[in-house]
Amino acid sequence: MSDKARILFDALDLDHDGTLTLAEVVGALRSKGPTLAAQGVIPVWGVGGDEDSAALFDAADQNGDKVLTFEEFAAVVDRRFGW
């Protein structure tokens, strides 16, 4: 798992509890996405709208518990962003 996945996960984990909810992912990408892209944390094309953020979340939520662990998140973003 990449260091970039960890940086992105930590940036999206707004309540710092070590997991991500759909609301955190959507809200954080909406508010922080352009800045994260400008910093090179995510590709510019990776900053989409709310539907794109929800699709990323759903793809990562392998066990369907509506909460992402770092491992679930990293497996999808590493593959999707080519890290």
PDB file of N, CA and C in Angstrom:
ATOM      1  N   MET A   1       0.848  -1.182   0.000  1.00  0.00           N
ATOM      2  CA  MET A   1       0.000   0.000   0.000  1.00  0.00           C
ATOM      3  C   MET A   1       0.885   1.235   0.000  1.00  0.00           C
ATOM      4  N   SER A   2       0.461   2.217  -0.739  1.00  0.00           N
ATOM      5  CA  SER A   2       1.325   3.365  -0.975  1.00  0.00           C
ATOM      6  C   SER A   2       1.251   4.421   0.118  1.00  0.00           C
ATOM      7  N   ASP A   3       2.312   5.201   0.173  1.00  0.00           N
ATOM      8  CA  ASP A   3       2.334   6.342   1.089  1.00  0.00           C
ATOM      9  C   ASP A   3       1.284   7.368   0.676  1.00  0.00           C
ATOM     10  N   LYS A   4       1.052   7.496  -0.635  1.00  0.00           N
ATOM     11  CA  LYS A   4       0.051   8.454  -1.099  1.00  0.00           C
ATOM     12  C   LYS A   4      -1.337   8.058  -0.621  1.00  0.00           C
ATOM     13  N   ALA A   5      -1.619   6.765  -0.581  1.00  0.00           N
ATOM     14  CA  ALA A   5      -2.921   6.309  -0.072  1.00  0.00           C
ATOM     15  C   ALA A   5      -3.079   6.691   1.392  1.00  0.00           C
ATOM     16  N   ARG A   6      -2.016   6.569   2.167  1.00  0.00           N
ATOM     17  CA  ARG A   6      -2.074   6.939   3.587  1.00  0.00           C
ATOM     18  C   ARG A   6      -2.295   8.441   3.746  1.00  0.00           C
ATOM     19  N   ILE A   7      -1.602   9.243   2.967  1.00  0.00           N
ATOM     20  CA  ILE A   7      -1.758  10.701   3.043  1.00  0.00           C
ATOM     21  C   ILE A   7      -3.191  11.088   2.693  1.00  0.00           C
ATOM     22  N   LEU A   8      -3.724  10.494   1.633  1.00  0.00           N
ATOM     23  CA  LEU A   8      -5.089  10.808   1.215  1.00  0.00           C
ATOM     24  C   LEU A   8      -6.092  10.336   2.264  1.00  0.00           C
ATOM     25  N   PHE A   9      -5.921   9.128   2.774  1.00  0.00           N
ATOM     26  CA  PHE A   9      -6.823   8.613   3.806  1.00  0.00           C
ATOM     27  C   PHE A   9      -6.853   9.551   5.007  1.00  0.00           C
ATOM     28  N   ASP A  10      -5.676   9.958   5.470  1.00  0.00           N
ATOM     29  CA  ASP A  10      -5.605  10.849   6.637  1.00  0.00           C
ATOM     30  C   ASP A  10      -6.260  12.199   6.346  1.00  0.00           C
ATOM     31  N   ALA A  11      -6.131  12.690   5.117  1.00  0.00           N
ATOM     32  CA  ALA A  11      -6.753  13.969   4.751  1.00  0.00           C
ATOM     33  C   ALA A  11      -8.274  13.861   4.729  1.00  0.00           C
ATOM     34  N   LEU A  12      -8.788  12.695   4.370  1.00  0.00           N
ATOM     35  CA  LEU A  12     -10.237  12.500   4.293  1.00  0.00           C
ATOM     36  C   LEU A  12     -10.854  12.128   5.639  1.00  0.00           C
ATOM     37  N   ASP A  13     -10.060  11.634   6.557  1.00  0.00           N
ATOM     38  CA  ASP A  13     -10.547  11.193   7.869  1.00  0.00           C
ATOM     39  C   ASP A  13     -10.750  12.419   8.765  1.00  0.00           C
ATOM     40  N   LEU A  14     -11.863  13.100   8.537  1.00  0.00           N
ATOM     41  CA  LEU A  14     -12.108  14.387   9.194  1.00  0.00           C
ATOM     42  C   LEU A  14     -12.215  14.294  10.710  1.00  0.00           C
ATOM     43  N   ASP A  15     -12.737  13.176  11.219  1.00  0.00           N
ATOM     44  CA  ASP A  15     -12.860  13.058  12.676  1.00  0.00           C
ATOM     45  C   ASP A  15     -11.701  12.277  13.295  1.00  0.00           C
ATOM     46  N   HIS A  16     -10.735  11.897  12.481  1.00  0.00           N
ATOM     47  CA  HIS A  16      -9.498  11.244  12.924  1.00  0.00           C
ATOM     48  C   HIS A  16      -9.741   9.988  13.752  1.00  0.00           C
ATOM     49  N   ASP A  17     -10.765   9.206  13.352  1.00  0.00           N
ATOM     50  CA  ASP A  17     -11.045   7.978  14.094  1.00  0.00           C
ATOM     51  C   ASP A  17     -10.463   6.735  13.426  1.00  0.00           C
ATOM     52  N   GLY A  18      -9.738   6.914  12.326  1.00  0.00           N
ATOM     53  CA  GLY A  18      -9.102   5.786  11.662  1.00  0.00           C
ATOM     54  C   GLY A  18      -9.985   5.046  10.676  1.00  0.00           C
ATOM     55  N   THR A  19     -11.188   5.563  10.437  1.00  0.00           N
ATOM     56  CA  THR A  19     -12.088   4.997   9.436  1.00  0.00           C
ATOM     57  C   THR A  19     -12.707   6.145   8.648  1.00  0.00           C
ATOM     58  N   LEU A  20     -13.288   5.795   7.495  1.00  0.00           N
ATOM     59  CA  LEU A  20     -13.957   6.795   6.663  1.00  0.00           C
ATOM     60  C   LEU A  20     -15.419   6.414   6.490  1.00  0.00           C
ATOM     61  N   THR A  21     -16.280   7.402   6.594  1.00  0.00           N
ATOM     62  CA  THR A  21     -17.684   7.226   6.262  1.00  0.00           C
ATOM     63  C   THR A  21     -17.933   7.882   4.909  1.00  0.00           C
ATOM     64  N   LEU A  22     -19.062   7.574   4.314  1.00  0.00           N
ATOM     65  CA  LEU A  22     -19.411   8.194   3.036  1.00  0.00           C
ATOM     66  C   LEU A  22     -19.469   9.712   3.185  1.00  0.00           C
ATOM     67  N   ALA A  23     -20.048  10.192   4.264  1.00  0.00           N
ATOM     68  CA  ALA A  23     -20.151  11.643   4.470  1.00  0.00           C
ATOM     69  C   ALA A  23     -18.766  12.284   4.546  1.00  0.00           C
ATOM     70  N   GLU A  24     -17.825  11.626   5.205  1.00  0.00           N
ATOM     71  CA  GLU A  24     -16.461  12.164   5.281  1.00  0.00           C
ATOM     72  C   GLU A  24     -15.818  12.228   3.900  1.00  0.00           C
ATOM     73  N   VAL A  25     -15.944  11.155   3.140  1.00  0.00           N
ATOM     74  CA  VAL A  25     -15.310  11.111   1.819  1.00  0.00           C
ATOM     75  C   VAL A  25     -15.898  12.181   0.909  1.00  0.00           C
ATOM     76  N   VAL A  26     -17.218  12.257   0.846  1.00  0.00           N
ATOM     77  CA  VAL A  26     -17.867  13.242  -0.017  1.00  0.00           C
ATOM     78  C   VAL A  26     -17.525  14.660   0.447  1.00  0.00           C
ATOM     79  N   GLY A  27     -17.681  14.922   1.733  1.00  0.00           N
ATOM     80  CA  GLY A  27     -17.420  16.268   2.260  1.00  0.00           C
ATOM     81  C   GLY A  27     -15.973  16.690   2.112  1.00  0.00           C
ATOM     82  N   ALA A  28     -15.060  15.790   2.424  1.00  0.00           N
ATOM     83  CA  ALA A  28     -13.639  16.135   2.348  1.00  0.00           C
ATOM     84  C   ALA A  28     -13.191  16.331   0.910  1.00  0.00           C
ATOM     85  N   LEU A  29     -13.652  15.477  -0.009  1.00  0.00           N
ATOM     86  CA  LEU A  29     -13.261  15.676  -1.406  1.00  0.00           C
ATOM     87  C   LEU A  29     -13.884  16.935  -1.985  1.00  0.00           C
ATOM     88  N   ARG A  30     -15.080  17.274  -1.527  1.00  0.00           N
ATOM     89  CA  ARG A  30     -15.713  18.513  -1.988  1.00  0.00           C
ATOM     90  C   ARG A  30     -14.907  19.726  -1.504  1.00  0.00           C
ATOM     91  N   SER A  31     -14.506  19.718  -0.242  1.00  0.00           N
ATOM     92  CA  SER A  31     -13.826  20.889   0.310  1.00  0.00           C
ATOM     93  C   SER A  31     -12.316  20.886   0.090  1.00  0.00           C
ATOM     94  N   LYS A  32     -11.697  19.702   0.111  1.00  0.00           N
ATOM     95  CA  LYS A  32     -10.239  19.619   0.028  1.00  0.00           C
ATOM     96  C   LYS A  32      -9.719  19.091  -1.307  1.00  0.00           C
ATOM     97  N   GLY A  33     -10.599  18.560  -2.138  1.00  0.00           N
ATOM     98  CA  GLY A  33     -10.169  17.910  -3.375  1.00  0.00           C
ATOM     99  C   GLY A  33      -9.255  18.743  -4.258  1.00  0.00           C
ATOM    100  N   PRO A  34      -9.648  19.972  -4.600  1.00  0.00           N
ATOM    101  CA  PRO A  34      -8.769  20.778  -5.461  1.00  0.00           C
ATOM    102  C   PRO A  34      -7.401  21.050  -4.832  1.00  0.00           C
ATOM    103  N   THR A  35      -7.363  21.276  -3.533  1.00  0.00           N
ATOM    104  CA  THR A  35      -6.092  21.514  -2.846  1.00  0.00           C
ATOM    105  C   THR A  35      -5.241  20.246  -2.854  1.00  0.00           C
ATOM    106  N   LEU A  36      -5.865  19.103  -2.588  1.00  0.00           N
ATOM    107  CA  LEU A  36      -5.131  17.835  -2.614  1.00  0.00           C
ATOM    108  C   LEU A  36      -4.577  17.552  -4.002  1.00  0.00           C
ATOM    109  N   ALA A  37      -5.341  17.877  -5.033  1.00  0.00           N
ATOM    110  CA  ALA A  37      -4.861  17.687  -6.406  1.00  0.00           C
ATOM    111  C   ALA A  37      -3.699  18.635  -6.699  1.00  0.00           C
ATOM    112  N   ALA A  38      -3.808  19.868  -6.258  1.00  0.00           N
ATOM    113  CA  ALA A  38      -2.739  20.842  -6.488  1.00  0.00           C
ATOM    114  C   ALA A  38      -1.452  20.434  -5.771  1.00  0.00           C
ATOM    115  N   GLN A  39      -1.590  19.756  -4.637  1.00  0.00           N
ATOM    116  CA  GLN A  39      -0.425  19.291  -3.879  1.00  0.00           C
ATOM    117  C   GLN A  39       0.125  17.975  -4.413  1.00  0.00           C
ATOM    118  N   GLY A  40      -0.556  17.379  -5.396  1.00  0.00           N
ATOM    119  CA  GLY A  40      -0.118  16.128  -5.970  1.00  0.00           C
ATOM    120  C   GLY A  40      -0.519  14.900  -5.165  1.00  0.00           C
ATOM    121  N   VAL A  41      -1.415  15.076  -4.191  1.00  0.00           N
ATOM    122  CA  VAL A  41      -1.861  13.948  -3.376  1.00  0.00           C
ATOM    123  C   VAL A  41      -2.778  13.037  -4.182  1.00  0.00           C
ATOM    124  N   ILE A  42      -3.625  13.627  -5.020  1.00  0.00           N
ATOM    125  CA  ILE A  42      -4.469  12.848  -5.925  1.00  0.00           C
ATOM    126  C   ILE A  42      -4.355  13.457  -7.317  1.00  0.00           C
ATOM    127  N   PRO A  43      -4.581  12.658  -8.350  1.00  0.00           N
ATOM    128  CA  PRO A  43      -4.559  13.214  -9.697  1.00  0.00           C
ATOM    129  C   PRO A  43      -5.720  14.196  -9.892  1.00  0.00           C
ATOM    130  N   VAL A  44      -5.516  15.177 -10.714  1.00  0.00           N
ATOM    131  CA  VAL A  44      -6.557  16.174 -10.971  1.00  0.00           C
ATOM    132  C   VAL A  44      -7.838  15.491 -11.439  1.00  0.00           C
ATOM    133  N   TRP A  45      -7.724  14.466 -12.293  1.00  0.00           N
ATOM    134  CA  TRP A  45      -8.913  13.769 -12.781  1.00  0.00           C
ATOM    135  C   TRP A  45      -9.604  12.980 -11.668  1.00  0.00           C
ATOM    136  N   GLY A  46      -8.917  12.799 -10.534  1.00  0.00           N
ATOM    137  CA  GLY A  46      -9.500  12.073  -9.415  1.00  0.00           C
ATOM    138  C   GLY A  46     -10.453  12.893  -8.576  1.00  0.00           C
ATOM    139  N   VAL A  47     -10.493  14.195  -8.834  1.00  0.00           N
ATOM    140  CA  VAL A  47     -11.403  15.076  -8.100  1.00  0.00           C
ATOM    141  C   VAL A  47     -12.691  15.174  -8.904  1.00  0.00           C
ATOM    142  N   GLY A  48     -13.667  14.398  -8.508  1.00  0.00           N
ATOM    143  CA  GLY A  48     -14.944  14.403  -9.201  1.00  0.00           C
ATOM    144  C   GLY A  48     -16.020  15.006  -8.319  1.00  0.00           C
ATOM    145  N   GLY A  49     -17.239  14.801  -8.730  1.00  0.00           N
ATOM    146  CA  GLY A  49     -18.368  15.292  -7.961  1.00  0.00           C
ATOM    147  C   GLY A  49     -18.769  14.300  -6.878  1.00  0.00           C
ATOM    148  N   ASP A  50     -19.898  14.595  -6.239  1.00  0.00           N
ATOM    149  CA  ASP A  50     -20.388  13.756  -5.155  1.00  0.00           C
ATOM    150  C   ASP A  50     -20.670  12.328  -5.616  1.00  0.00           C
ATOM    151  N   GLU A  51     -21.181  12.179  -6.832  1.00  0.00           N
ATOM    152  CA  GLU A  51     -21.475  10.834  -7.345  1.00  0.00           C
ATOM    153  C   GLU A  51     -20.191  10.026  -7.533  1.00  0.00           C
ATOM    154  N   ASP A  52     -19.130  10.679  -8.014  1.00  0.00           N
ATOM    155  CA  ASP A  52     -17.849  10.003  -8.183  1.00  0.00           C
ATOM    156  C   ASP A  52     -17.271   9.585  -6.829  1.00  0.00           C
ATOM    157  N   SER A  53     -17.407  10.471  -5.846  1.00  0.00           N
ATOM    158  CA  SER A  53     -16.919  10.159  -4.500  1.00  0.00           C
ATOM    159  C   SER A  53     -17.690   8.993  -3.903  1.00  0.00           C
ATOM    160  N   ALA A  54     -19.003   8.973  -4.093  1.00  0.00           N
ATOM    161  CA  ALA A  54     -19.831   7.879  -3.581  1.00  0.00           C
ATOM    162  C   ALA A  54     -19.481   6.563  -4.285  1.00  0.00           C
ATOM    163  N   ALA A  55     -19.197   6.615  -5.582  1.00  0.00           N
ATOM    164  CA  ALA A  55     -18.827   5.410  -6.321  1.00  0.00           C
ATOM    165  C   ALA A  55     -17.492   4.869  -5.819  1.00  0.00           C
ATOM    166  N   LEU A  56     -16.542   5.757  -5.549  1.00  0.00           N
ATOM    167  CA  LEU A  56     -15.258   5.340  -4.991  1.00  0.00           C
ATOM    168  C   LEU A  56     -15.471   4.668  -3.641  1.00  0.00           C
ATOM    169  N   PHE A  57     -16.299   5.263  -2.808  1.00  0.00           N
ATOM    170  CA  PHE A  57     -16.598   4.698  -1.494  1.00  0.00           C
ATOM    171  C   PHE A  57     -17.218   3.307  -1.638  1.00  0.00           C
ATOM    172  N   ASP A  58     -18.228   3.200  -2.477  1.00  0.00           N
ATOM    173  CA  ASP A  58     -18.919   1.920  -2.648  1.00  0.00           C
ATOM    174  C   ASP A  58     -17.981   0.833  -3.177  1.00  0.00           C
ATOM    175  N   ALA A  59     -17.090   1.209  -4.089  1.00  0.00           N
ATOM    176  CA  ALA A  59     -16.134   0.245  -4.628  1.00  0.00           C
ATOM    177  C   ALA A  59     -15.167  -0.240  -3.552  1.00  0.00           C
ATOM    178  N   ALA A  60     -14.833   0.635  -2.624  1.00  0.00           N
ATOM    179  CA  ALA A  60     -13.874   0.289  -1.577  1.00  0.00           C
ATOM    180  C   ALA A  60     -14.507  -0.471  -0.418  1.00  0.00           C
ATOM    181  N   ASP A  61     -15.786  -0.292  -0.187  1.00  0.00           N
ATOM    182  CA  ASP A  61     -16.459  -0.901   0.964  1.00  0.00           C
ATOM    183  C   ASP A  61     -16.739  -2.382   0.695  1.00  0.00           C
ATOM    184  N   GLN A  62     -15.691  -3.178   0.799  1.00  0.00           N
ATOM    185  CA  GLN A  62     -15.768  -4.586   0.414  1.00  0.00           C
ATOM    186  C   GLN A  62     -16.706  -5.408   1.286  1.00  0.00           C
ATOM    187  N   ASN A  63     -16.812  -5.080   2.562  1.00  0.00           N
ATOM    188  CA  ASN A  63     -17.667  -5.880   3.433  1.00  0.00           C
ATOM    189  C   ASN A  63     -19.055  -5.276   3.635  1.00  0.00           C
ATOM    190  N   GLY A  64     -19.313  -4.122   3.011  1.00  0.00           N
ATOM    191  CA  GLY A  64     -20.641  -3.522   3.035  1.00  0.00           C
ATOM    192  C   GLY A  64     -21.064  -2.929   4.362  1.00  0.00           C
ATOM    193  N   ASP A  65     -20.097  -2.623   5.234  1.00  0.00           N
ATOM    194  CA  ASP A  65     -20.463  -2.092   6.552  1.00  0.00           C
ATOM    195  C   ASP A  65     -20.593  -0.567   6.590  1.00  0.00           C
ATOM    196  N   LYS A  66     -20.457   0.074   5.437  1.00  0.00           N
ATOM    197  CA  LYS A  66     -20.603   1.534   5.299  1.00  0.00           C
ATOM    198  C   LYS A  66     -19.501   2.320   6.011  1.00  0.00           C
ATOM    199  N   VAL A  67     -18.388   1.648   6.286  1.00  0.00           N
ATOM    200  CA  VAL A  67     -17.217   2.275   6.898  1.00  0.00           C
ATOM    201  C   VAL A  67     -15.992   1.710   6.195  1.00  0.00           C
ATOM    202  N   LEU A  68     -15.066   2.595   5.825  1.00  0.00           N
ATOM    203  CA  LEU A  68     -13.845   2.138   5.169  1.00  0.00           C
ATOM    204  C   LEU A  68     -12.682   2.109   6.141  1.00  0.00           C
ATOM    205  N   THR A  69     -11.992   0.983   6.156  1.00  0.00           N
ATOM    206  CA  THR A  69     -10.712   0.913   6.847  1.00  0.00           C
ATOM    207  C   THR A  69      -9.639   1.401   5.876  1.00  0.00           C
ATOM    208  N   PHE A  70      -8.462   1.641   6.388  1.00  0.00           N
ATOM    209  CA  PHE A  70      -7.379   2.063   5.506  1.00  0.00           C
ATOM    210  C   PHE A  70      -7.093   0.989   4.458  1.00  0.00           C
ATOM    211  N   GLU A  71      -7.121  -0.268   4.848  1.00  0.00           N
ATOM    212  CA  GLU A  71      -6.816  -1.357   3.922  1.00  0.00           C
ATOM    213  C   GLU A  71      -7.811  -1.403   2.767  1.00  0.00           C
ATOM    214  N   GLU A  72      -9.109  -1.257   3.072  1.00  0.00           N
ATOM    215  CA  GLU A  72     -10.128  -1.237   2.015  1.00  0.00           C
ATOM    216  C   GLU A  72      -9.901  -0.055   1.081  1.00  0.00           C
ATOM    217  N   PHE A  73      -9.673   1.110   1.668  1.00  0.00           N
ATOM    218  CA  PHE A  73      -9.475   2.334   0.907  1.00  0.00           C
ATOM    219  C   PHE A  73      -8.245   2.239   0.015  1.00  0.00           C
ATOM    220  N   ALA A  74      -7.124   1.818   0.598  1.00  0.00           N
ATOM    221  CA  ALA A  74      -5.862   1.783  -0.139  1.00  0.00           C
ATOM    222  C   ALA A  74      -5.919   0.806  -1.305  1.00  0.00           C
ATOM    223  N   ALA A  75      -6.591  -0.316  -1.120  1.00  0.00           N
ATOM    224  CA  ALA A  75      -6.674  -1.304  -2.196  1.00  0.00           C
ATOM    225  C   ALA A  75      -7.328  -0.707  -3.440  1.00  0.00           C
ATOM    226  N   VAL A  76      -8.333   0.136  -3.244  1.00  0.00           N
ATOM    227  CA  VAL A  76      -9.033   0.734  -4.387  1.00  0.00           C
ATOM    228  C   VAL A  76      -8.276   1.930  -4.947  1.00  0.00           C
ATOM    229  N   VAL A  77      -7.812   2.845  -4.106  1.00  0.00           N
ATOM    230  CA  VAL A  77      -7.155   4.037  -4.659  1.00  0.00           C
ATOM    231  C   VAL A  77      -5.814   3.712  -5.270  1.00  0.00           C
ATOM    232  N   ASP A  78      -5.079   2.762  -4.703  1.00  0.00           N
ATOM    233  CA  ASP A  78      -3.800   2.379  -5.313  1.00  0.00           C
ATOM    234  C   ASP A  78      -4.027   1.869  -6.731  1.00  0.00           C
ATOM    235  N   ARG A  79      -5.067   1.056  -6.903  1.00  0.00           N
ATOM    236  CA  ARG A  79      -5.380   0.507  -8.229  1.00  0.00           C
ATOM    237  C   ARG A  79      -5.946   1.578  -9.157  1.00  0.00           C
ATOM    238  N   ARG A  80      -6.891   2.369  -8.651  1.00  0.00           N
ATOM    239  CA  ARG A  80      -7.565   3.368  -9.485  1.00  0.00           C
ATOM    240  C   ARG A  80      -6.635   4.496  -9.918  1.00  0.00           C
ATOM    241  N   PHE A  81      -5.768   4.936  -9.002  1.00  0.00           N
ATOM    242  CA  PHE A  81      -4.871   6.056  -9.317  1.00  0.00           C
ATOM    243  C   PHE A  81      -3.515   5.593  -9.835  1.00  0.00           C
ATOM    244  N   GLY A  82      -3.292   4.284  -9.908  1.00  0.00           N
ATOM    245  CA  GLY A  82      -2.047   3.760 -10.452  1.00  0.00           C
ATOM    246  C   GLY A  82      -0.849   3.979  -9.568  1.00  0.00           C
ATOM    247  N   TRP A  83      -1.063   3.919  -8.254  1.00  0.00           N
ATOM    248  CA  TRP A  83       0.056   4.131  -7.319  1.00  0.00           C
ATOM    249  C   TRP A  83       0.751   2.845  -7.084  1.00  0.00           C
TER     250      TRP A  83
END
